[in-house]
Protein backbone atom coordinates (compact mmCIF):
# COMPACT_ATOMS: atom_id res chain seq x y z
CA MET A 1 -13.14 18.34 -26.11
CA LEU A 2 -9.91 16.85 -24.74
CA LEU A 3 -10.44 14.32 -22.12
CA LEU A 4 -7.72 14.97 -19.58
CA SER A 5 -8.34 11.95 -17.29
CA THR A 6 -10.48 9.03 -17.03
CA GLY A 7 -10.83 6.54 -14.18
CA TYR A 8 -7.41 5.83 -12.92
CA CYS A 9 -5.43 7.22 -15.66
CA GLU A 10 -4.37 10.90 -16.37
CA TYR A 11 -3.96 11.90 -19.99
CA ASP A 12 -1.58 14.96 -19.26
CA THR A 13 0.67 12.77 -17.06
CA ILE A 14 0.97 10.06 -19.82
CA LYS A 15 1.89 12.66 -22.37
CA ILE A 16 4.71 13.90 -20.12
CA LYS A 17 5.99 10.28 -19.64
CA LEU A 18 5.79 9.69 -23.42
CA ARG A 19 7.53 13.09 -24.05
CA LEU A 20 4.70 14.19 -26.41
CA ASP A 21 4.57 17.94 -27.30
CA ASP A 22 1.28 17.59 -28.99
CA ASN A 23 -2.11 15.67 -29.11
CA SER A 24 -1.21 13.56 -32.12
CA MET A 25 -1.69 10.30 -30.18
CA ARG A 26 -4.69 11.34 -28.23
CA ASP A 27 -7.13 8.88 -29.68
CA GLU A 28 -4.73 6.07 -29.16
CA ILE A 29 -4.00 7.05 -25.68
CA GLN A 30 -7.49 7.39 -24.60
CA ILE A 31 -8.36 4.00 -26.03
CA ILE A 32 -5.36 2.35 -24.05
CA MET A 33 -6.50 4.48 -20.85
CA GLN A 34 -9.97 2.71 -21.07
CA ASP A 35 -8.15 -0.48 -21.49
CA ILE A 36 -6.16 -0.04 -18.32
CA ASN A 37 -9.06 1.20 -16.43
CA ASP A 38 -10.89 -2.02 -17.32
CA LEU A 39 -7.84 -4.09 -16.28
CA ILE A 40 -7.56 -2.41 -12.85
CA ASN A 41 -11.26 -2.56 -12.36
CA ASN A 42 -11.43 -6.27 -12.88
CA ARG A 43 -8.35 -6.88 -10.56
CA VAL A 44 -9.74 -4.63 -7.79
CA ARG A 45 -13.13 -6.34 -8.16
CA ALA A 46 -11.50 -9.66 -7.67
CA LYS A 47 -9.95 -8.44 -4.44
CA LEU A 48 -12.82 -6.33 -2.80
CA GLY A 49 -15.89 -8.24 -4.26
CA SER A 50 -19.14 -6.30 -5.14
CA HIS A 51 -20.22 -5.43 -1.58
CA ASN A 52 -18.54 -4.43 1.75
CA ILE A 53 -19.32 -6.13 5.28
CA TYR A 54 -22.17 -3.72 5.53
CA GLY A 55 -23.96 -4.88 2.29
CA ALA A 56 -23.10 -1.47 0.67
CA PRO A 57 -21.94 -1.67 -2.94
CA ILE A 58 -18.29 -1.24 -3.77
CA ILE A 59 -18.35 1.35 -6.54
CA LEU A 60 -15.67 1.27 -9.40
CA PRO A 61 -13.53 2.83 -10.57
CA LEU A 62 -12.42 3.86 -7.17
CA THR A 63 -12.24 7.67 -6.54
CA PHE A 64 -11.49 9.98 -3.60
CA ASN A 65 -15.30 9.77 -2.72
CA THR A 66 -15.68 5.91 -2.88
CA SER A 67 -15.22 3.51 0.01
CA PRO A 68 -12.54 2.35 -0.28
CA LYS A 69 -10.99 5.56 -1.69
CA ILE A 70 -8.54 5.40 -4.55
CA PRO A 71 -4.85 5.23 -3.34
CA LEU A 72 -2.73 7.82 -5.05
CA GLU A 73 -0.18 5.05 -5.76
CA LEU A 74 -2.67 3.25 -8.00
CA LYS A 75 -3.03 6.46 -10.24
CA GLY A 76 0.65 6.42 -10.83
CA ILE A 77 0.53 2.63 -11.48
CA ALA A 78 -2.25 3.10 -14.08
CA ASN A 79 -0.37 5.77 -15.86
CA ASP A 80 2.95 3.57 -16.14
CA LEU A 81 0.66 0.69 -17.55
CA VAL A 82 -0.68 3.08 -20.21
CA VAL A 83 2.94 3.91 -21.14
CA ALA A 84 4.04 0.39 -21.04
CA LYS A 85 1.21 -0.90 -23.36
CA ILE A 86 1.93 1.73 -25.81
CA ARG A 87 5.46 0.92 -25.93
CA LEU A 88 4.62 -2.80 -26.18
CA GLN A 89 2.51 -2.09 -29.26
CA ASN A 90 5.30 -0.18 -30.99
CA SER A 91 8.14 -2.50 -30.11
CA GLU A 92 6.52 -5.80 -29.48
CA LYS A 93 8.73 -6.28 -26.53
CA PRO A 94 6.76 -7.29 -23.50
CA LEU A 95 9.47 -6.73 -20.71
CA LEU A 96 8.19 -3.29 -19.78
CA TRP A 97 4.50 -4.26 -20.04
CA ASP A 98 5.19 -7.54 -17.85
CA SER A 99 6.88 -5.47 -15.25
CA ALA A 100 4.11 -2.89 -14.99
CA VAL A 101 1.55 -5.65 -14.55
CA ARG A 102 3.61 -7.26 -11.95
CA VAL A 103 3.82 -3.82 -10.06
CA LEU A 104 0.05 -3.60 -10.19
CA ASP A 105 -0.47 -7.20 -8.92
CA ASN A 106 2.09 -6.81 -6.13
CA TYR A 107 0.61 -3.52 -5.06
CA LEU A 108 -2.99 -4.96 -4.83
CA GLU A 109 -1.57 -7.95 -2.99
CA LYS A 110 -0.10 -5.47 -0.47
CA VAL A 111 -3.09 -3.27 -0.04
CA TYR A 112 -5.96 -5.75 -0.40
CA GLY A 113 -4.39 -9.41 -0.12
CA TRP A 114 -4.42 -12.13 -2.74
CA THR A 115 -7.99 -13.56 -1.81
CA ARG A 116 -10.70 -12.76 0.43
CA ASP A 117 -12.85 -15.36 2.19
CA LYS A 118 -15.18 -12.54 3.64
CA PRO A 119 -16.52 -9.15 2.13
CA PHE A 120 -14.18 -6.03 2.16
CA GLU A 121 -14.22 -4.26 5.55
CA PRO A 122 -13.62 -0.56 5.45
CA ILE A 123 -10.75 0.81 7.38
CA ARG A 124 -12.60 2.86 10.15
CA THR A 125 -11.15 6.14 11.24
CA LEU A 126 -11.32 7.81 14.67
CA THR A 127 -9.89 11.17 15.69
CA THR A 128 -10.02 13.27 18.93
CA SER A 129 -9.74 16.87 19.69
CA PRO A 130 -7.53 17.56 21.71
CA VAL A 131 -5.20 14.49 21.36
CA THR A 132 -4.20 14.86 24.95
CA GLY A 133 -5.95 16.19 28.16
CA VAL A 134 -6.30 16.09 31.84
CA ALA A 135 -9.00 14.56 33.77
CA SER A 136 -12.16 16.45 33.48
CA ALA A 137 -11.23 17.54 29.91
CA VAL A 138 -13.89 17.71 27.19
CA VAL A 139 -12.98 15.66 24.21
CA THR A 140 -14.62 15.74 20.80
CA ILE A 141 -14.72 12.60 18.74
CA THR A 142 -15.24 12.14 15.00
CA GLY A 143 -14.99 9.16 12.83
CA SER A 144 -15.78 7.47 9.47
CA LEU A 145 -16.41 4.37 7.54
CA PHE A 146 -18.32 2.53 10.24
CA GLU A 147 -21.72 0.88 9.68
CA PRO A 148 -24.17 3.36 8.30
CA ASN A 149 -27.21 4.40 10.11
CA THR A 150 -26.40 2.61 13.45
CA GLU A 151 -25.79 3.40 17.09
CA LEU A 152 -22.24 2.53 18.20
CA THR A 153 -20.50 1.45 21.36
CA PHE A 154 -18.07 3.83 22.99
CA SER A 155 -15.74 3.37 25.94
CA PHE A 156 -12.99 5.17 27.50
CA ASP A 157 -10.30 3.32 29.58
CA GLY A 158 -12.56 0.25 29.47
CA ILE A 159 -15.56 2.02 30.80
CA GLU A 160 -18.66 3.03 28.92
CA VAL A 161 -18.81 6.86 29.77
CA VAL A 162 -21.66 9.30 29.12
CA THR A 163 -21.40 11.07 25.82
CA THR A 164 -23.15 14.11 24.34
CA PRO A 165 -25.40 13.20 22.48
CA VAL A 166 -25.94 10.19 24.68
CA LYS A 167 -26.43 7.97 21.69
CA VAL A 168 -23.44 7.82 19.43
CA THR A 169 -24.74 7.27 15.87
CA THR A 170 -23.54 7.21 12.21
CA ASN A 171 -25.17 8.91 9.14
CA ASN A 172 -25.97 7.09 5.89
CA VAL A 173 -22.46 6.75 4.87
CA GLY A 174 -21.00 5.61 8.18
CA ASP A 175 -19.53 8.83 9.35
CA VAL A 176 -19.60 9.82 12.94
CA VAL A 177 -20.12 13.59 12.66
CA SER A 178 -19.10 14.47 16.28
CA PHE A 179 -19.76 13.79 19.94
CA THR A 180 -18.20 14.70 23.15
CA PHE A 181 -17.17 13.10 26.46
CA VAL A 182 -15.58 14.29 29.59
CA VAL A 183 -12.42 12.42 30.84
CA PRO A 184 -13.46 10.80 34.09
CA THR A 185 -12.23 12.09 37.33
CA PRO A 186 -10.18 10.73 38.68
CA THR A 187 -8.15 9.13 35.91
CA ALA A 188 -4.41 8.27 36.31
CA THR A 189 -2.04 9.93 33.80
CA GLY A 190 -0.72 7.86 30.94
CA LYS A 191 -2.16 6.31 27.79
CA ARG A 192 -5.98 5.18 27.88
CA GLU A 193 -7.69 3.26 25.27
CA ILE A 194 -10.73 4.86 23.48
CA LYS A 195 -12.92 2.29 21.68
CA LEU A 196 -15.54 2.91 19.20
CA PHE A 197 -17.43 -0.25 17.76
CA ASP A 198 -20.26 -1.11 15.50
CA SER A 199 -21.97 -4.49 15.20
CA LEU A 200 -19.19 -5.96 13.02
CA GLY A 201 -16.10 -4.50 14.39
CA GLY A 202 -14.40 -1.18 15.39
CA ILE A 203 -11.26 0.57 16.25
CA ILE A 204 -9.05 1.34 19.23
CA ILE A 205 -6.89 4.38 19.65
CA THR A 206 -4.94 5.83 22.56
CA PHE A 207 -5.55 9.05 24.35
CA LEU A 208 -2.84 10.52 26.65
CA VAL A 209 -4.07 11.70 30.02
CA THR A 210 -1.66 14.37 31.32
């Protein structure tokens, strides 16, 4: 059976980049795809470590279901690395390969930093529905990537307001499924801060009171 993708690399995309009309290079490409997956995994592990700040393991390769999720840009970089390595083997000219590796390193630097003196901290998310509202409006909050299985601290405009349910908690993967609160009356119009924190950090967004 033809393996179309593995880890970060996508076989069909690589074939297009190499302008191949058949699968004559399938085995060679798949071996190099695994080499590139190992290369990226090693570099990502060096950036993120083995566990995040909550003690949860960081699973590699990154996918759309891991924390952190795989950035789409990284898949494109992986495919370019495969193409560059194939051309390096055929021409023995390292310029394209060296350039592709620099792109990878620069991208990982931009996203994760060169070094980490503490475990990786997931980028928490917080959304409101609606995104604006008048005093007395009911607002629904959802979030993700907080500390798993824990009670969170919530405040609106610097005040801890009553929520429904009263305790705001996360599930075993750190998601806040949903809770609601009522914009206090009176609240002056304008931007107001919404804060949601776990024991190790949190997120602040603005809510426009109209």
